[in-house]
């Protein structure tokens, strides 16, 4: 039987190695961006759709390395940043 503490430490190390956060700027409307993002991930084999929260979509995938399932939430914000700069 394997050591639970070692398994937990391995999982924590994998989570620390693979986590990330990105910011992107899109010129389309919020609805277009949400539809495009959902379609993009569905075409690549992920489950994707709207969450119960406004302006968010979810992405769920299969096994990613030692992690049993990859999850993501994408938040779309409008009117962010300097005016006329993006």
N, C-alpha and C. Protein backbone atom coordinates (compact mmCIF):
# COMPACT_ATOMS: atom_id res chain seq x y z
N UNK A 1 0.84 -1.17 0.00
CA UNK A 1 0.00 0.00 0.00
C UNK A 1 0.89 1.24 0.00
N UNK A 2 0.54 2.25 -0.76
CA UNK A 2 1.37 3.45 -0.84
C UNK A 2 1.08 4.40 0.31
N UNK A 3 2.02 5.26 0.58
CA UNK A 3 1.92 6.23 1.66
C UNK A 3 0.97 7.36 1.25
N UNK A 4 -0.11 7.60 1.99
CA UNK A 4 -1.05 8.68 1.62
C UNK A 4 -0.41 10.06 1.62
N UNK A 5 0.51 10.31 2.54
CA UNK A 5 1.17 11.62 2.59
C UNK A 5 2.02 11.84 1.34
N UNK A 6 2.69 10.79 0.88
CA UNK A 6 3.51 10.91 -0.33
C UNK A 6 2.64 11.12 -1.56
N UNK A 7 1.50 10.43 -1.62
CA UNK A 7 0.58 10.60 -2.74
C UNK A 7 0.01 12.02 -2.76
N UNK A 8 -0.33 12.53 -1.58
CA UNK A 8 -0.86 13.90 -1.48
C UNK A 8 0.20 14.92 -1.89
N UNK A 9 1.44 14.70 -1.46
CA UNK A 9 2.53 15.60 -1.82
C UNK A 9 2.78 15.58 -3.33
N UNK A 10 2.70 14.40 -3.94
CA UNK A 10 2.88 14.30 -5.40
C UNK A 10 1.77 15.04 -6.13
N UNK A 11 0.54 14.93 -5.64
CA UNK A 11 -0.59 15.63 -6.27
C UNK A 11 -0.42 17.14 -6.11
N UNK A 12 -0.02 17.60 -4.93
CA UNK A 12 0.20 19.03 -4.71
C UNK A 12 1.31 19.57 -5.61
N UNK A 13 2.37 18.79 -5.79
CA UNK A 13 3.46 19.20 -6.67
C UNK A 13 2.98 19.31 -8.11
N UNK A 14 2.16 18.36 -8.56
CA UNK A 14 1.63 18.39 -9.92
C UNK A 14 0.69 19.58 -10.11
N UNK A 15 -0.14 19.88 -9.12
CA UNK A 15 -1.03 21.04 -9.20
C UNK A 15 -0.23 22.33 -9.28
N UNK A 16 0.82 22.44 -8.48
CA UNK A 16 1.66 23.64 -8.51
C UNK A 16 2.37 23.78 -9.85
N UNK A 17 2.75 22.66 -10.44
CA UNK A 17 3.47 22.69 -11.71
C UNK A 17 2.56 23.08 -12.87
N UNK A 18 1.30 22.69 -12.83
CA UNK A 18 0.43 22.86 -13.99
C UNK A 18 -0.55 24.02 -13.90
N UNK A 19 -0.68 24.68 -12.76
CA UNK A 19 -1.67 25.76 -12.65
C UNK A 19 -1.19 27.00 -13.42
N UNK A 20 -2.13 27.73 -13.95
CA UNK A 20 -1.80 28.97 -14.64
C UNK A 20 -3.02 29.86 -14.73
N UNK A 21 -2.77 31.11 -15.02
CA UNK A 21 -3.84 32.09 -15.22
C UNK A 21 -3.43 32.97 -16.39
N UNK A 22 -4.34 33.22 -17.29
CA UNK A 22 -4.06 34.03 -18.47
C UNK A 22 -5.08 35.15 -18.58
N UNK A 23 -4.65 36.24 -19.19
CA UNK A 23 -5.55 37.33 -19.53
C UNK A 23 -5.45 37.54 -21.03
N UNK A 24 -6.58 37.82 -21.65
CA UNK A 24 -6.61 38.05 -23.09
C UNK A 24 -7.59 39.17 -23.38
N UNK A 25 -7.39 39.82 -24.51
CA UNK A 25 -8.28 40.90 -24.95
C UNK A 25 -8.96 40.46 -26.23
N UNK A 26 -10.27 40.62 -26.29
CA UNK A 26 -11.04 40.27 -27.48
C UNK A 26 -11.83 41.49 -27.93
N UNK A 27 -12.03 41.60 -29.23
CA UNK A 27 -12.73 42.77 -29.76
C UNK A 27 -14.22 42.52 -29.97
N UNK A 28 -14.66 41.28 -29.90
CA UNK A 28 -16.07 40.99 -30.11
C UNK A 28 -16.91 41.28 -28.89
N UNK A 29 -18.20 41.08 -29.03
CA UNK A 29 -19.10 41.27 -27.89
C UNK A 29 -18.91 40.13 -26.89
N UNK A 30 -19.41 40.32 -25.69
CA UNK A 30 -19.27 39.30 -24.66
C UNK A 30 -19.92 37.99 -25.11
N UNK A 31 -21.08 38.07 -25.72
CA UNK A 31 -21.79 36.87 -26.17
C UNK A 31 -20.97 36.13 -27.23
N UNK A 32 -20.39 36.86 -28.19
CA UNK A 32 -19.56 36.23 -29.22
C UNK A 32 -18.34 35.55 -28.61
N UNK A 33 -17.70 36.21 -27.65
CA UNK A 33 -16.51 35.64 -27.01
C UNK A 33 -16.87 34.37 -26.26
N UNK A 34 -17.98 34.37 -25.54
CA UNK A 34 -18.39 33.17 -24.80
C UNK A 34 -18.73 32.03 -25.75
N UNK A 35 -19.42 32.34 -26.84
CA UNK A 35 -19.77 31.31 -27.82
C UNK A 35 -18.52 30.75 -28.49
N UNK A 36 -17.58 31.63 -28.86
CA UNK A 36 -16.34 31.18 -29.50
C UNK A 36 -15.50 30.32 -28.57
N UNK A 37 -15.39 30.72 -27.30
CA UNK A 37 -14.59 29.95 -26.34
C UNK A 37 -15.21 28.58 -26.10
N UNK A 38 -16.52 28.54 -25.94
CA UNK A 38 -17.20 27.26 -25.73
C UNK A 38 -17.00 26.34 -26.93
N UNK A 39 -17.17 26.86 -28.13
CA UNK A 39 -16.99 26.06 -29.35
C UNK A 39 -15.55 25.60 -29.49
N UNK A 40 -14.58 26.46 -29.19
CA UNK A 40 -13.16 26.13 -29.29
C UNK A 40 -12.84 24.90 -28.44
N UNK A 41 -13.28 24.89 -27.20
CA UNK A 41 -12.95 23.78 -26.31
C UNK A 41 -13.74 22.52 -26.67
N UNK A 42 -14.99 22.66 -27.09
CA UNK A 42 -15.77 21.49 -27.49
C UNK A 42 -15.16 20.80 -28.70
N UNK A 43 -14.65 21.58 -29.66
CA UNK A 43 -14.01 21.01 -30.85
C UNK A 43 -12.77 20.20 -30.49
N UNK A 44 -12.15 20.50 -29.37
CA UNK A 44 -10.93 19.82 -28.94
C UNK A 44 -11.19 18.72 -27.92
N UNK A 45 -12.45 18.34 -27.75
CA UNK A 45 -12.79 17.20 -26.91
C UNK A 45 -13.06 17.49 -25.45
N UNK A 46 -13.15 18.75 -25.08
CA UNK A 46 -13.45 19.10 -23.70
C UNK A 46 -14.94 19.32 -23.53
N UNK A 47 -15.44 19.13 -22.31
CA UNK A 47 -16.82 19.54 -22.00
C UNK A 47 -16.76 21.02 -21.68
N UNK A 48 -17.65 21.79 -22.25
CA UNK A 48 -17.62 23.23 -22.05
C UNK A 48 -19.03 23.79 -22.16
N UNK A 49 -19.32 24.80 -21.37
CA UNK A 49 -20.63 25.43 -21.40
C UNK A 49 -20.71 26.55 -20.37
N UNK A 50 -21.89 27.10 -20.23
CA UNK A 50 -22.11 28.19 -19.27
C UNK A 50 -22.16 27.65 -17.85
N UNK A 51 -21.67 28.45 -16.91
CA UNK A 51 -21.83 28.11 -15.50
C UNK A 51 -23.09 28.78 -14.99
N UNK A 52 -23.40 28.59 -13.73
CA UNK A 52 -24.54 29.27 -13.12
C UNK A 52 -24.25 30.73 -12.81
N UNK A 53 -22.99 31.10 -12.89
CA UNK A 53 -22.60 32.49 -12.62
C UNK A 53 -22.63 33.30 -13.91
N UNK A 54 -22.95 34.57 -13.83
CA UNK A 54 -22.98 35.38 -15.05
C UNK A 54 -21.57 35.57 -15.62
N UNK A 55 -21.47 35.61 -16.93
CA UNK A 55 -20.23 35.92 -17.65
C UNK A 55 -19.13 34.88 -17.45
N UNK A 56 -19.48 33.64 -17.15
CA UNK A 56 -18.47 32.60 -16.98
C UNK A 56 -18.83 31.36 -17.77
N UNK A 57 -17.79 30.66 -18.23
CA UNK A 57 -17.97 29.34 -18.82
C UNK A 57 -17.04 28.37 -18.09
N UNK A 58 -17.39 27.09 -18.15
CA UNK A 58 -16.55 26.06 -17.55
C UNK A 58 -15.93 25.22 -18.65
N UNK A 59 -14.80 24.61 -18.33
CA UNK A 59 -14.13 23.68 -19.23
C UNK A 59 -13.70 22.49 -18.37
N UNK A 60 -14.06 21.27 -18.79
CA UNK A 60 -13.64 20.06 -18.08
C UNK A 60 -13.01 19.11 -19.08
N UNK A 61 -11.86 18.58 -18.71
CA UNK A 61 -11.16 17.65 -19.58
C UNK A 61 -10.83 16.36 -18.86
N UNK A 62 -10.13 15.51 -19.54
CA UNK A 62 -9.73 14.23 -18.98
C UNK A 62 -8.44 14.34 -18.19
N UNK A 63 -7.81 13.20 -18.01
CA UNK A 63 -6.57 13.11 -17.23
C UNK A 63 -5.50 13.99 -17.85
N UNK A 64 -4.81 14.74 -16.97
CA UNK A 64 -3.69 15.60 -17.37
C UNK A 64 -2.51 15.22 -16.48
N UNK A 65 -1.63 14.36 -16.95
CA UNK A 65 -0.51 13.92 -16.13
C UNK A 65 -1.01 13.13 -14.93
N UNK A 66 -0.59 13.53 -13.73
CA UNK A 66 -1.01 12.85 -12.50
C UNK A 66 -2.38 13.32 -12.03
N UNK A 67 -2.90 14.38 -12.63
CA UNK A 67 -4.18 14.94 -12.21
C UNK A 67 -5.31 14.15 -12.89
N UNK A 68 -6.29 13.67 -12.11
CA UNK A 68 -7.34 12.84 -12.70
C UNK A 68 -8.25 13.57 -13.68
N UNK A 69 -8.41 14.88 -13.53
CA UNK A 69 -9.26 15.64 -14.45
C UNK A 69 -8.84 17.10 -14.42
N UNK A 70 -8.79 17.72 -15.59
CA UNK A 70 -8.46 19.14 -15.68
C UNK A 70 -9.73 19.97 -15.71
N UNK A 71 -9.78 21.01 -14.90
CA UNK A 71 -10.94 21.91 -14.83
C UNK A 71 -10.49 23.34 -15.06
N UNK A 72 -11.37 24.14 -15.64
CA UNK A 72 -11.08 25.57 -15.81
C UNK A 72 -12.38 26.34 -15.75
N UNK A 73 -12.29 27.56 -15.28
CA UNK A 73 -13.40 28.51 -15.36
C UNK A 73 -12.87 29.75 -16.06
N UNK A 74 -13.62 30.24 -17.01
CA UNK A 74 -13.23 31.42 -17.77
C UNK A 74 -14.22 32.53 -17.46
N UNK A 75 -13.70 33.65 -16.98
CA UNK A 75 -14.52 34.81 -16.64
C UNK A 75 -14.34 35.86 -17.73
N UNK A 76 -15.44 36.34 -18.28
CA UNK A 76 -15.41 37.37 -19.31
C UNK A 76 -15.83 38.69 -18.67
N UNK A 77 -14.97 39.70 -18.78
CA UNK A 77 -15.26 41.02 -18.24
C UNK A 77 -15.26 42.02 -19.39
N UNK A 78 -16.21 42.92 -19.39
CA UNK A 78 -16.29 43.95 -20.43
C UNK A 78 -15.80 45.27 -19.87
N UNK A 79 -15.37 46.15 -20.77
CA UNK A 79 -14.92 47.50 -20.41
C UNK A 79 -13.82 47.50 -19.35
N UNK A 80 -12.79 46.70 -19.57
CA UNK A 80 -11.67 46.61 -18.65
C UNK A 80 -10.45 47.25 -19.30
N UNK A 81 -9.67 47.98 -18.55
CA UNK A 81 -8.45 48.59 -19.08
C UNK A 81 -8.67 50.03 -19.47
N UNK A 82 -7.64 50.61 -20.08
CA UNK A 82 -7.71 52.01 -20.50
C UNK A 82 -8.62 52.15 -21.72
N UNK A 83 -9.37 53.21 -21.74
CA UNK A 83 -10.24 53.46 -22.87
C UNK A 83 -9.46 53.69 -24.16
N UNK A 84 -9.91 53.11 -25.25
CA UNK A 84 -9.33 53.23 -26.59
C UNK A 84 -7.91 52.69 -26.69
N UNK A 85 -7.47 51.95 -25.68
CA UNK A 85 -6.13 51.34 -25.74
C UNK A 85 -6.20 49.90 -26.20
N UNK A 86 -7.33 49.23 -25.95
CA UNK A 86 -7.46 47.83 -26.34
C UNK A 86 -8.68 47.64 -27.19
